[in-house]
C-alpha atoms as a PDB file:
ATOM      1  CA  MET A   1      38.119 103.168 133.594  1.00  0.00           C
ATOM      2  CA  LYS A   2      36.806 104.899 136.720  1.00  0.00           C
ATOM      3  CA  VAL A   3      39.021 106.629 139.282  1.00  0.00           C
ATOM      4  CA  TYR A   4      38.612 106.407 143.059  1.00  0.00           C
ATOM      5  CA  GLU A   5      40.351 108.074 145.959  1.00  0.00           C
ATOM      6  CA  ILE A   6      41.460 105.736 148.743  1.00  0.00           C
ATOM      7  CA  ILE A   7      42.192 107.300 152.135  1.00  0.00           C
ATOM      8  CA  LEU A   8      45.058 105.694 154.057  1.00  0.00           C
ATOM      9  CA  LYS A   9      45.676 106.262 157.765  1.00  0.00           C
ATOM     10  CA  PRO A  10      49.277 105.333 158.692  1.00  0.00           C
ATOM     11  CA  LEU A  11      49.735 103.162 161.793  1.00  0.00           C
ATOM     12  CA  SER A  12      53.540 102.816 161.633  1.00  0.00           C
ATOM     13  CA  GLY A  13      56.596 104.087 159.834  1.00  0.00           C
ATOM     14  CA  PHE A  14      57.319 103.176 156.207  1.00  0.00           C
ATOM     15  CA  GLY A  15      60.584 101.758 154.944  1.00  0.00           C
ATOM     16  CA  THR A  16      59.525 102.154 151.294  1.00  0.00           C
ATOM     17  CA  PRO A  17      57.968 105.278 149.723  1.00  0.00           C
ATOM     18  CA  LEU A  18      54.314 104.862 148.741  1.00  0.00           C
ATOM     19  CA  LYS A  19      54.816 105.275 145.002  1.00  0.00           C
ATOM     20  CA  GLY A  20      52.285 104.161 142.408  1.00  0.00           C
ATOM     21  CA  ASP A  21      54.358 101.438 140.760  1.00  0.00           C
ATOM     22  CA  THR A  22      55.167  99.823 144.123  1.00  0.00           C
ATOM     23  CA  LEU A  23      51.503  99.914 145.157  1.00  0.00           C
ATOM     24  CA  PHE A  24      50.686  98.196 141.863  1.00  0.00           C
ATOM     25  CA  GLY A  25      53.166  95.426 142.658  1.00  0.00           C
ATOM     26  CA  HIS A  26      51.640  94.852 146.093  1.00  0.00           C
ATOM     27  CA  PHE A  27      48.156  94.780 144.586  1.00  0.00           C
ATOM     28  CA  CYS A  28      49.234  92.160 142.031  1.00  0.00           C
ATOM     29  CA  TRP A  29      50.623  89.986 144.830  1.00  0.00           C
ATOM     30  CA  GLN A  30      47.261  90.195 146.619  1.00  0.00           C
ATOM     31  CA  ILE A  31      45.573  88.847 143.473  1.00  0.00           C
ATOM     32  CA  ALA A  32      48.216  86.097 143.316  1.00  0.00           C
ATOM     33  CA  TYR A  33      47.325  85.141 146.896  1.00  0.00           C
ATOM     34  CA  ASP A  34      43.570  85.329 146.318  1.00  0.00           C
ATOM     35  CA  GLY A  35      42.279  85.025 142.749  1.00  0.00           C
ATOM     36  CA  SER A  36      38.807  86.199 143.835  1.00  0.00           C
ATOM     37  CA  LEU A  37      40.180  89.768 143.986  1.00  0.00           C
ATOM     38  CA  CYS A  38      40.079  89.890 140.169  1.00  0.00           C
ATOM     39  CA  ASN A  39      37.157  88.849 137.981  1.00  0.00           C
ATOM     40  CA  ILE A  40      39.454  87.200 135.437  1.00  0.00           C
ATOM     41  CA  PRO A  41      42.543  84.998 135.935  1.00  0.00           C
ATOM     42  CA  MET A  42      45.722  86.921 136.733  1.00  0.00           C
ATOM     43  CA  LYS A  43      47.495  85.594 133.631  1.00  0.00           C
ATOM     44  CA  GLU A  44      44.682  86.935 131.439  1.00  0.00           C
ATOM     45  CA  ALA A  45      44.771  90.329 133.185  1.00  0.00           C
ATOM     46  CA  ILE A  46      48.528  90.587 132.592  1.00  0.00           C
ATOM     47  CA  LYS A  47      48.115  89.558 128.954  1.00  0.00           C
ATOM     48  CA  MET A  48      45.521  92.348 128.471  1.00  0.00           C
ATOM     49  CA  TYR A  49      47.566  94.912 130.420  1.00  0.00           C
ATOM     50  CA  PRO A  50      49.354  96.540 127.441  1.00  0.00           C
ATOM     51  CA  GLU A  51      46.051  97.472 125.782  1.00  0.00           C
ATOM     52  CA  ARG A  52      43.684  97.472 128.744  1.00  0.00           C
ATOM     53  CA  PRO A  53      45.238  97.987 132.195  1.00  0.00           C
ATOM     54  CA  PHE A  54      43.087  96.483 134.942  1.00  0.00           C
ATOM     55  CA  THR A  55      44.278  99.007 137.518  1.00  0.00           C
ATOM     56  CA  ILE A  56      46.576 102.041 137.809  1.00  0.00           C
ATOM     57  CA  PHE A  57      47.683 103.610 141.090  1.00  0.00           C
ATOM     58  CA  SER A  58      48.962 107.063 141.909  1.00  0.00           C
ATOM     59  CA  SER A  59      51.575 107.730 144.542  1.00  0.00           C
ATOM     60  CA  ALA A  60      50.298 108.648 148.018  1.00  0.00           C
ATOM     61  CA  TYR A  61      49.852 112.311 148.928  1.00  0.00           C
ATOM     62  CA  PRO A  62      48.980 114.112 152.189  1.00  0.00           C
ATOM     63  CA  ARG A  63      45.333 115.058 152.656  1.00  0.00           C
ATOM     64  CA  LEU A  64      44.582 118.046 154.892  1.00  0.00           C
ATOM     65  CA  LYS A  65      41.371 119.319 156.441  1.00  0.00           C
ATOM     66  CA  THR A  66      40.494 122.930 157.175  1.00  0.00           C
ATOM     67  CA  THR A  67      37.356 124.276 158.798  1.00  0.00           C
ATOM     68  CA  SER A  68      35.628 124.504 155.425  1.00  0.00           C
ATOM     69  CA  ALA A  69      37.314 122.136 152.925  1.00  0.00           C
ATOM     70  CA  TRP A  70      39.656 119.240 152.191  1.00  0.00           C
ATOM     71  CA  PHE A  71      42.965 119.807 150.427  1.00  0.00           C
ATOM     72  CA  TYR A  72      45.329 117.485 148.572  1.00  0.00           C
ATOM     73  CA  ALA A  73      49.035 118.274 148.918  1.00  0.00           C
ATOM     74  CA  LEU A  74      50.351 117.247 145.499  1.00  0.00           C
ATOM     75  CA  ARG A  75      53.969 117.530 144.436  1.00  0.00           C
ATOM     76  CA  THR A  76      55.050 120.820 142.881  1.00  0.00           C
ATOM     77  CA  PRO A  77      55.151 120.390 139.067  1.00  0.00           C
ATOM     78  CA  ALA A  78      58.598 119.655 137.614  1.00  0.00           C
ATOM     79  CA  LEU A  79      58.613 122.890 135.647  1.00  0.00           C
ATOM     80  CA  PRO A  80      61.201 125.698 135.578  1.00  0.00           C
ATOM     81  CA  LEU A  81      60.563 128.096 138.472  1.00  0.00           C
ATOM     82  CA  GLU A  82      59.894 130.901 135.998  1.00  0.00           C
ATOM     83  CA  MET A  83      56.826 128.995 134.766  1.00  0.00           C
ATOM     84  CA  LEU A  84      55.407 128.711 138.284  1.00  0.00           C
ATOM     85  CA  PHE A  85      56.349 131.955 140.015  1.00  0.00           C
ATOM     86  CA  THR A  86      56.824 135.609 139.098  1.00  0.00           C
ATOM     87  CA  MET A  87      60.524 136.264 139.561  1.00  0.00           C
ATOM     88  CA  PRO A  88      61.842 139.700 140.622  1.00  0.00           C
ATOM     89  CA  ASP A  89      64.019 141.635 138.166  1.00  0.00           C
ATOM     90  CA  GLU A  90      66.768 142.554 140.645  1.00  0.00           C
ATOM     91  CA  LYS A  91      69.454 139.809 140.619  1.00  0.00           C
ATOM     92  CA  VAL A  92      70.164 139.531 144.370  1.00  0.00           C
ATOM     93  CA  GLU A  93      66.474 139.431 145.215  1.00  0.00           C
ATOM     94  CA  MET A  94      65.881 136.910 142.453  1.00  0.00           C
ATOM     95  CA  LEU A  95      68.526 134.555 143.896  1.00  0.00           C
ATOM     96  CA  LYS A  96      66.911 134.771 147.338  1.00  0.00           C
ATOM     97  CA  LYS A  97      63.498 134.073 145.903  1.00  0.00           C
ATOM     98  CA  ARG A  98      64.754 131.115 143.884  1.00  0.00           C
ATOM     99  CA  LYS A  99      65.962 129.471 147.084  1.00  0.00           C
ATOM    100  CA  ASP A 100      62.586 130.053 148.760  1.00  0.00           C
ATOM    101  CA  TYR A 101      60.645 128.824 145.738  1.00  0.00           C
ATOM    102  CA  LYS A 102      62.745 125.653 145.407  1.00  0.00           C
ATOM    103  CA  ALA A 103      61.739 124.723 148.970  1.00  0.00           C
ATOM    104  CA  LYS A 104      58.043 124.869 148.096  1.00  0.00           C
ATOM    105  CA  ARG A 105      57.672 121.152 147.379  1.00  0.00           C
ATOM    106  CA  TRP A 106      53.879 120.973 147.683  1.00  0.00           C
ATOM    107  CA  MET A 107      50.986 122.298 145.630  1.00  0.00           C
ATOM    108  CA  LEU A 108      47.738 122.590 147.604  1.00  0.00           C
ATOM    109  CA  VAL A 109      44.629 121.657 145.625  1.00  0.00           C
ATOM    110  CA  GLU A 110      41.220 122.133 147.198  1.00  0.00           C
ATOM    111  CA  LYS A 111      38.884 119.209 146.636  1.00  0.00           C
ATOM    112  CA  GLY A 112      36.173 120.224 144.190  1.00  0.00           C
ATOM    113  CA  LYS A 113      38.199 123.136 142.762  1.00  0.00           C
ATOM    114  CA  ARG A 114      40.097 123.299 139.449  1.00  0.00           C
ATOM    115  CA  ILE A 115      43.796 123.950 138.846  1.00  0.00           C
ATOM    116  CA  ASN A 116      43.169 126.658 136.282  1.00  0.00           C
ATOM    117  CA  SER A 117      46.765 127.879 136.225  1.00  0.00           C
ATOM    118  CA  PHE A 118      49.957 126.854 137.985  1.00  0.00           C
ATOM    119  CA  ARG A 119      50.772 130.530 138.511  1.00  0.00           C
ATOM    120  CA  ASP A 120      47.573 130.901 140.534  1.00  0.00           C
ATOM    121  CA  ALA A 121      48.161 127.720 142.550  1.00  0.00           C
ATOM    122  CA  GLN A 122      49.164 127.749 146.199  1.00  0.00           C
ATOM    123  CA  PHE A 123      52.624 126.307 146.902  1.00  0.00           C
ATOM    124  CA  VAL A 124      54.013 125.578 150.377  1.00  0.00           C
ATOM    125  CA  ASN A 125      57.207 124.171 151.873  1.00  0.00           C
ATOM    126  CA  ASP A 126      57.424 121.318 154.393  1.00  0.00           C
ATOM    127  CA  HIS A 127      57.081 123.576 157.432  1.00  0.00           C
ATOM    128  CA  GLU A 128      54.108 125.467 156.010  1.00  0.00           C
ATOM    129  CA  LEU A 129      52.409 122.160 155.198  1.00  0.00           C
ATOM    130  CA  PHE A 130      53.008 121.012 158.787  1.00  0.00           C
ATOM    131  CA  GLU A 131      51.550 124.234 160.209  1.00  0.00           C
ATOM    132  CA  ARG A 132      48.395 123.778 158.132  1.00  0.00           C
ATOM    133  CA  PHE A 133      48.109 120.223 159.378  1.00  0.00           C
ATOM    134  CA  ILE A 134      48.425 120.952 163.097  1.00  0.00           C
ATOM    135  CA  ALA A 135      46.067 123.943 162.835  1.00  0.00           C
ATOM    136  CA  ASN A 136      43.192 121.458 162.505  1.00  0.00           C
ATOM    137  CA  ALA A 137      44.628 118.563 164.521  1.00  0.00           C
ATOM    138  CA  SER A 138      43.316 117.645 167.956  1.00  0.00           C
ATOM    139  CA  MET A 139      44.689 119.377 171.042  1.00  0.00           C
ATOM    140  CA  LYS A 140      46.367 116.128 172.137  1.00  0.00           C
ATOM    141  CA  THR A 141      48.198 115.767 168.820  1.00  0.00           C
ATOM    142  CA  ARG A 142      49.236 119.423 168.708  1.00  0.00           C
ATOM    143  CA  LYS A 143      50.680 119.173 172.211  1.00  0.00           C
ATOM    144  CA  ALA A 144      52.556 115.947 171.460  1.00  0.00           C
ATOM    145  CA  LEU A 145      54.045 117.317 168.237  1.00  0.00           C
ATOM    146  CA  ARG A 146      55.111 120.586 169.865  1.00  0.00           C
ATOM    147  CA  GLN A 147      56.790 118.709 172.720  1.00  0.00           C
ATOM    148  CA  SER A 148      58.622 116.405 170.306  1.00  0.00           C
ATOM    149  CA  GLY A 149      59.943 119.359 168.333  1.00  0.00           C
ATOM    150  CA  ALA A 150      58.455 118.054 165.066  1.00  0.00           C
ATOM    151  CA  SER A 151      58.300 120.547 162.217  1.00  0.00           C
ATOM    152  CA  ARG A 152      57.225 118.364 159.290  1.00  0.00           C
ATOM    153  CA  PHE A 153      54.185 116.354 158.246  1.00  0.00           C
ATOM    154  CA  ALA A 154      56.520 113.389 157.631  1.00  0.00           C
ATOM    155  CA  PHE A 155      60.025 113.039 158.948  1.00  0.00           C
ATOM    156  CA  ASN A 156      62.901 110.583 158.612  1.00  0.00           C
ATOM    157  CA  PHE A 157      63.649 108.288 161.529  1.00  0.00           C
ATOM    158  CA  THR A 158      66.527 105.861 161.982  1.00  0.00           C
ATOM    159  CA  GLN A 159      65.960 102.613 163.873  1.00  0.00           C
ATOM    160  CA  SER A 160      69.001 100.744 165.192  1.00  0.00           C
ATOM    161  CA  HIS A 161      69.120  96.942 164.832  1.00  0.00           C
ATOM    162  CA  ASN A 162      71.404  94.307 166.306  1.00  0.00           C
ATOM    163  CA  THR A 163      72.122  90.778 165.099  1.00  0.00           C
ATOM    164  CA  ILE A 164      73.260  88.492 167.921  1.00  0.00           C
ATOM    165  CA  ASN A 165      75.902  85.857 167.342  1.00  0.00           C
ATOM    166  CA  ARG A 166      74.491  82.853 169.248  1.00  0.00           C
ATOM    167  CA  ILE A 167      77.993  81.476 169.823  1.00  0.00           C
ATOM    168  CA  THR A 168      79.382  84.576 171.532  1.00  0.00           C
ATOM    169  CA  GLY A 169      76.035  85.890 172.793  1.00  0.00           C
ATOM    170  CA  THR A 170      76.761  89.382 171.513  1.00  0.00           C
ATOM    171  CA  THR A 171      77.177  91.448 168.367  1.00  0.00           C
ATOM    172  CA  GLY A 172      80.398  91.433 166.375  1.00  0.00           C
ATOM    173  CA  GLU A 173      81.787  92.160 162.952  1.00  0.00           C
ATOM    174  CA  GLY A 174      80.513  91.446 159.432  1.00  0.00           C
ATOM    175  CA  GLY A 175      77.017  90.015 159.478  1.00  0.00           C
ATOM    176  CA  PHE A 176      76.772  90.535 163.240  1.00  0.00           C
ATOM    177  CA  ALA A 177      77.650  94.241 163.191  1.00  0.00           C
ATOM    178  CA  PRO A 178      74.928  96.635 164.452  1.00  0.00           C
ATOM    179  CA  PHE A 179      73.160  98.487 161.644  1.00  0.00           C
ATOM    180  CA  ALA A 180      70.539 101.187 161.208  1.00  0.00           C
ATOM    181  CA  VAL A 181      67.401 101.122 159.054  1.00  0.00           C
ATOM    182  CA  GLY A 182      65.770 104.343 157.873  1.00  0.00           C
ATOM    183  CA  GLN A 183      62.029 104.883 157.745  1.00  0.00           C
ATOM    184  CA  VAL A 184      59.545 107.689 157.172  1.00  0.00           C
ATOM    185  CA  VAL A 185      57.189 108.424 160.051  1.00  0.00           C
ATOM    186  CA  PHE A 186      53.975 110.420 159.579  1.00  0.00           C
ATOM    187  CA  ALA A 187      52.471 112.672 162.232  1.00  0.00           C
ATOM    188  CA  PRO A 188      49.598 111.281 164.344  1.00  0.00           C
ATOM    189  CA  GLU A 189      46.146 111.726 162.766  1.00  0.00           C
ATOM    190  CA  SER A 190      47.729 112.210 159.343  1.00  0.00           C
ATOM    191  CA  GLU A 191      45.935 110.945 156.254  1.00  0.00           C
ATOM    192  CA  LEU A 192      47.194 110.060 152.792  1.00  0.00           C
ATOM    193  CA  VAL A 193      45.257 109.774 149.556  1.00  0.00           C
ATOM    194  CA  VAL A 194      45.921 107.325 146.722  1.00  0.00           C
ATOM    195  CA  PHE A 195      44.070 107.690 143.415  1.00  0.00           C
ATOM    196  CA  ALA A 196      43.236 104.340 141.851  1.00  0.00           C
ATOM    197  CA  GLY A 197      41.933 103.796 138.328  1.00  0.00           C
ATOM    198  CA  ILE A 198      40.172 100.461 137.854  1.00  0.00           C
ATOM    199  CA  ASP A 199      38.535  98.657 134.971  1.00  0.00           C
ATOM    200  CA  GLU A 200      35.266  97.765 136.707  1.00  0.00           C
ATOM    201  CA  GLU A 201      34.728  94.719 134.523  1.00  0.00           C
ATOM    202  CA  MET A 202      37.865  93.219 136.069  1.00  0.00           C
ATOM    203  CA  ILE A 203      38.163  94.887 139.503  1.00  0.00           C
ATOM    204  CA  SER A 204      35.322  96.109 141.736  1.00  0.00           C
ATOM    205  CA  THR A 205      35.579  98.723 144.493  1.00  0.00           C
ATOM    206  CA  LYS A 206      34.904  95.982 147.047  1.00  0.00           C
ATOM    207  CA  GLN A 207      37.835  93.940 145.737  1.00  0.00           C
ATOM    208  CA  LEU A 208      40.016  97.069 145.665  1.00  0.00           C
ATOM    209  CA  SER A 209      39.189  97.928 149.283  1.00  0.00           C
ATOM    210  CA  LEU A 210      39.754  94.372 150.498  1.00  0.00           C
ATOM    211  CA  ALA A 211      43.172  94.184 148.837  1.00  0.00           C
ATOM    212  CA  PHE A 212      44.252  97.471 150.443  1.00  0.00           C
ATOM    213  CA  GLU A 213      42.967  96.337 153.839  1.00  0.00           C
ATOM    214  CA  ARG A 214      45.149  93.242 153.571  1.00  0.00           C
ATOM    215  CA  ILE A 215      48.191  95.233 152.433  1.00  0.00           C
ATOM    216  CA  GLY A 216      47.731  97.590 155.397  1.00  0.00           C
ATOM    217  CA  ALA A 217      47.328  94.706 157.845  1.00  0.00           C
ATOM    218  CA  THR A 218      50.402  92.752 156.698  1.00  0.00           C
ATOM    219  CA  GLY A 219      52.596  95.759 155.912  1.00  0.00           C
ATOM    220  CA  PHE A 220      53.798  97.621 152.848  1.00  0.00           C
ATOM    221  CA  GLY A 221      57.305  97.566 151.470  1.00  0.00           C
ATOM    222  CA  LYS A 222      60.617  97.081 153.214  1.00  0.00           C
ATOM    223  CA  ASP A 223      60.746  95.481 156.685  1.00  0.00           C
ATOM    224  CA  ALA A 224      57.009  94.799 156.760  1.00  0.00           C
ATOM    225  CA  SER A 225      57.821  91.694 158.821  1.00  0.00           C
ATOM    226  CA  THR A 226      59.211  93.935 161.587  1.00  0.00           C
ATOM    227  CA  GLY A 227      56.096  96.099 161.748  1.00  0.00           C
ATOM    228  CA  LEU A 228      56.704  98.774 159.111  1.00  0.00           C
ATOM    229  CA  GLY A 229      54.236  99.797 156.408  1.00  0.00           C
ATOM    230  CA  ARG A 230      51.040  99.342 158.444  1.00  0.00           C
ATOM    231  CA  PHE A 231      47.941 101.403 157.701  1.00  0.00           C
ATOM    232  CA  LYS A 232      44.169 101.210 157.749  1.00  0.00           C
ATOM    233  CA  ILE A 233      41.909 102.513 155.019  1.00  0.00           C
ATOM    234  CA  GLY A 234      39.195 105.119 155.359  1.00  0.00           C
ATOM    235  CA  THR A 235      36.708 106.077 152.676  1.00  0.00           C
ATOM    236  CA  VAL A 236      36.846 104.900 149.057  1.00  0.00           C
ATOM    237  CA  GLU A 237      35.023 107.394 146.836  1.00  0.00           C
ATOM    238  CA  GLU A 238      34.801 107.994 143.098  1.00  0.00           C
ATOM    239  CA  ILE A 239      36.577 111.119 141.894  1.00  0.00           C
ATOM    240  CA  ASP A 240      36.798 112.852 138.537  1.00  0.00           C
ATOM    241  CA  LEU A 241      40.396 113.919 137.915  1.00  0.00           C
ATOM    242  CA  GLU A 242      39.252 115.836 134.853  1.00  0.00           C
ATOM    243  CA  SER A 243      37.237 118.145 137.111  1.00  0.00           C
ATOM    244  CA  MET A 244      40.413 118.962 139.084  1.00  0.00           C
ATOM    245  CA  GLY A 245      42.169 120.391 136.037  1.00  0.00           C
ATOM    246  CA  ASN A 246      41.690 123.078 133.441  1.00  0.00           C
ATOM    247  CA  ALA A 247      38.547 122.938 131.293  1.00  0.00           C
ATOM    248  CA  THR A 248      40.654 123.521 128.150  1.00  0.00           C
ATOM    249  CA  PRO A 249      43.859 121.565 128.873  1.00  0.00           C
ATOM    250  CA  ASN A 250      46.972 121.309 126.746  1.00  0.00           C
ATOM    251  CA  ALA A 251      49.146 119.209 129.097  1.00  0.00           C
ATOM    252  CA  CYS A 252      49.073 116.318 131.566  1.00  0.00           C
ATOM    253  CA  TYR A 253      50.269 116.577 135.183  1.00  0.00           C
ATOM    254  CA  THR A 254      51.171 113.049 136.311  1.00  0.00           C
ATOM    255  CA  LEU A 255      50.380 111.494 139.694  1.00  0.00           C
ATOM    256  CA  ALA A 256      52.850 108.568 139.650  1.00  0.00           C
ATOM    257  CA  PRO A 257      56.166 107.575 138.079  1.00  0.00           C
ATOM    258  CA  CYS A 258      55.604 106.587 134.458  1.00  0.00           C
ATOM    259  CA  VAL A 259      57.214 105.655 131.163  1.00  0.00           C
ATOM    260  CA  PRO A 260      55.754 108.055 128.560  1.00  0.00           C
ATOM    261  CA  GLN A 261      54.818 106.815 125.110  1.00  0.00           C
ATOM    262  CA  LYS A 262      57.225 107.520 122.259  1.00  0.00           C
ATOM    263  CA  ASN A 263      56.448 110.244 119.691  1.00  0.00           C
ATOM    264  CA  CYS A 264      53.403 111.379 121.654  1.00  0.00           C
ATOM    265  CA  PHE A 265      54.499 114.642 123.292  1.00  0.00           C
ATOM    266  CA  ASN A 266      55.854 117.950 122.029  1.00  0.00           C
ATOM    267  CA  GLU A 267      57.282 119.120 125.355  1.00  0.00           C
ATOM    268  CA  VAL A 268      58.205 117.142 128.454  1.00  0.00           C
ATOM    269  CA  PHE A 269      59.200 118.379 131.910  1.00  0.00           C
ATOM    270  CA  PHE A 270      60.147 115.797 134.525  1.00  0.00           C
ATOM    271  CA  LEU A 271      62.663 114.643 137.095  1.00  0.00           C
ATOM    272  CA  PRO A 272      64.171 111.236 136.263  1.00  0.00           C
ATOM    273  CA  PHE A 273      63.505 108.364 138.633  1.00  0.00           C
ATOM    274  CA  THR A 274      65.219 104.990 138.350  1.00  0.00           C
ATOM    275  CA  ARG A 275      63.342 102.029 139.777  1.00  0.00           C
ATOM    276  CA  PHE A 276      65.787  99.383 140.968  1.00  0.00           C
ATOM    277  CA  GLY A 277      63.119  96.756 141.415  1.00  0.00           C
ATOM    278  CA  ARG A 278      63.286  93.616 143.478  1.00  0.00           C
ATOM    279  CA  HIS A 279      60.927  90.677 143.692  1.00  0.00           C
ATOM    280  CA  GLY A 280      58.874  90.132 146.822  1.00  0.00           C
ATOM    281  CA  ASP A 281      57.330  87.145 148.583  1.00  0.00           C
ATOM    282  CA  VAL A 282      58.623  83.729 147.438  1.00  0.00           C
ATOM    283  CA  PHE A 283      60.756  85.262 144.654  1.00  0.00           C
ATOM    284  CA  ALA A 284      62.690  87.327 147.208  1.00  0.00           C
ATOM    285  CA  LYS A 285      64.622  84.142 148.081  1.00  0.00           C
ATOM    286  CA  SER A 286      65.184  83.091 144.471  1.00  0.00           C
ATOM    287  CA  GLU A 287      68.580  82.828 142.801  1.00  0.00           C
ATOM    288  CA  ASN A 288      68.117  86.248 141.185  1.00  0.00           C
ATOM    289  CA  PRO A 289      65.577  88.377 143.108  1.00  0.00           C
ATOM    290  CA  PHE A 290      66.530  91.615 141.326  1.00  0.00           C
ATOM    291  CA  LYS A 291      64.691  93.087 138.352  1.00  0.00           C
ATOM    292  CA  ALA A 292      66.233  95.129 135.557  1.00  0.00           C
ATOM    293  CA  PRO A 293      66.351  98.883 136.342  1.00  0.00           C
ATOM    294  CA  VAL A 294      63.601 100.992 134.780  1.00  0.00           C
ATOM    295  CA  LEU A 295      64.159 104.677 134.029  1.00  0.00           C
ATOM    296  CA  MET A 296      60.917 106.603 134.627  1.00  0.00           C
ATOM    297  CA  ALA A 297      59.615 110.142 134.804  1.00  0.00           C
ATOM    298  CA  ASP A 298      58.830 110.792 138.451  1.00  0.00           C
ATOM    299  CA  GLU A 299      55.420 112.003 139.612  1.00  0.00           C
ATOM    300  CA  ALA A 300      54.615 115.703 139.062  1.00  0.00           C
ATOM    301  CA  ALA A 301      55.909 115.522 135.488  1.00  0.00           C
ATOM    302  CA  VAL A 302      54.183 117.713 132.901  1.00  0.00           C
ATOM    303  CA  PHE A 303      53.732 116.405 129.352  1.00  0.00           C
ATOM    304  CA  LYS A 304      52.341 118.457 126.486  1.00  0.00           C
ATOM    305  CA  PRO A 305      50.840 116.049 123.908  1.00  0.00           C
ATOM    306  CA  LYS A 306      50.983 116.500 120.160  1.00  0.00           C
ATOM    307  CA  LYS A 307      47.320 115.564 119.735  1.00  0.00           C
ATOM    308  CA  SER A 308      44.240 116.136 121.884  1.00  0.00           C
ATOM    309  CA  ASP A 309      43.324 112.440 121.577  1.00  0.00           C
ATOM    310  CA  VAL A 310      45.478 111.848 124.661  1.00  0.00           C
ATOM    311  CA  PHE A 311      42.805 113.460 126.850  1.00  0.00           C
ATOM    312  CA  LYS A 312      40.245 110.797 125.932  1.00  0.00           C
ATOM    313  CA  LYS A 313      41.813 108.408 128.471  1.00  0.00           C
ATOM    314  CA  PRO A 314      42.451 109.156 132.174  1.00  0.00           C
ATOM    315  CA  TYR A 315      46.010 107.840 131.966  1.00  0.00           C
ATOM    316  CA  ILE A 316      49.197 108.112 129.934  1.00  0.00           C
ATOM    317  CA  GLY A 317      52.283 105.942 129.643  1.00  0.00           C
ATOM    318  CA  MET A 318      53.093 102.447 128.493  1.00  0.00           C
ATOM    319  CA  PRO A 319      53.508  99.001 130.083  1.00  0.00           C
ATOM    320  CA  VAL A 320      56.885  97.725 131.199  1.00  0.00           C
ATOM    321  CA  SER A 321      57.767  94.058 130.716  1.00  0.00           C
ATOM    322  CA  GLY A 322      60.851  91.900 130.216  1.00  0.00           C
ATOM    323  CA  ILE A 323      62.387  93.084 133.485  1.00  0.00           C
ATOM    324  CA  SER A 324      62.827  89.732 135.245  1.00  0.00           C
ATOM    325  CA  LYS A 325      64.775  86.564 134.513  1.00  0.00           C
ATOM    326  CA  THR A 326      63.206  84.815 137.491  1.00  0.00           C
ATOM    327  CA  GLU A 327      59.616  85.322 136.339  1.00  0.00           C
ATOM    328  CA  PRO A 328      59.360  86.260 132.613  1.00  0.00           C
ATOM    329  CA  GLY A 329      55.731  87.306 133.004  1.00  0.00           C
ATOM    330  CA  THR A 330      56.612  90.091 135.450  1.00  0.00           C
ATOM    331  CA  ILE A 331      55.231  93.532 134.567  1.00  0.00           C
ATOM    332  CA  ALA A 332      55.704  96.970 136.083  1.00  0.00           C
ATOM    333  CA  GLN A 333      53.320  99.908 136.095  1.00  0.00           C
ATOM    334  CA  GLY A 334      54.541 102.286 133.426  1.00  0.00           C
ATOM    335  CA  TYR A 335      51.192 104.092 133.341  1.00  0.00           C
ATOM    336  CA  SER A 336      50.156 107.121 135.356  1.00  0.00           C
ATOM    337  CA  LEU A 337      46.854 108.804 136.079  1.00  0.00           C
ATOM    338  CA  TYR A 338      47.012 112.513 135.382  1.00  0.00           C
ATOM    339  CA  VAL A 339      45.266 115.847 135.933  1.00  0.00           C
ATOM    340  CA  PRO A 340      44.621 117.772 132.681  1.00  0.00           C
ATOM    341  CA  VAL A 341      46.215 121.203 133.015  1.00  0.00           C
ATOM    342  CA  LYS A 342      46.902 124.378 131.066  1.00  0.00           C
ATOM    343  CA  MET A 343      50.636 124.928 130.614  1.00  0.00           C
ATOM    344  CA  GLU A 344      51.425 128.555 129.975  1.00  0.00           C
ATOM    345  CA  ALA A 345      54.403 129.805 127.997  1.00  0.00           C
END
């Protein structure tokens, strides 16, 4: 399996977070629409998925440019603060610092550089990430963002909707009551990166790019039919995740929600994430469009394996099946690409 970075340039707000398992679902639907996007039949690819996944996607992360380098803004590892920062001894000062450190949600990783130690990594909060972004944005974008009062790279926005009762010609109660839909809006000129692992015997980079172009054109996630989830893709380049991590790793830092294998890890650090899945496309109107909930370890989890054999593959996790009564063959991405890291005591 080879790993590629796909650059996404948002064109609208997003009603659904760009998480790896949801991207996988959209990609599978593209293959269902057009079988030429996979070199083997979809049913065969799904049958082989437990032993040989045809593709694995990371969640989307901000990508920033400085005058000399590109940076990925990955999520801060789900480790105790004491394992990431040096805490002061004095209790009052320690409590203040803990609050500041908890706000540092992003870990900046320079492209081409290794994460040798989490303690040496650079962590920033939402505002600091925004300031780094606008420092290298165009004058027009900086002016527009300053005038709007924006202070984050991505911010929540609520869009009001009305449903008109054609009998009364106005809104009303129940199904005709006005409602609001939330979405995440990214700053102009912003870029996101998605890491995609593909089995090149089944999926080519050309097929991968074409599928993402179609997803971006038709919309990703919730309320795509109203214009949400639009993006265009930039470059698609091969990347070695192993070169981003420690040369002598003892743990895996995950890039997407996953279901870790049983009896494989000595220590696990993660935030739980429950995927309440729902079918899309034609199955969205079926008698039972909902999938069974799946409890996952959210991205930025850190797993310390029992054996070094884990590092022979660029991904960890296990497949998820048996989650749908509407379509028994439905699968979910329980795998995650990872960066090999050194977890200190």
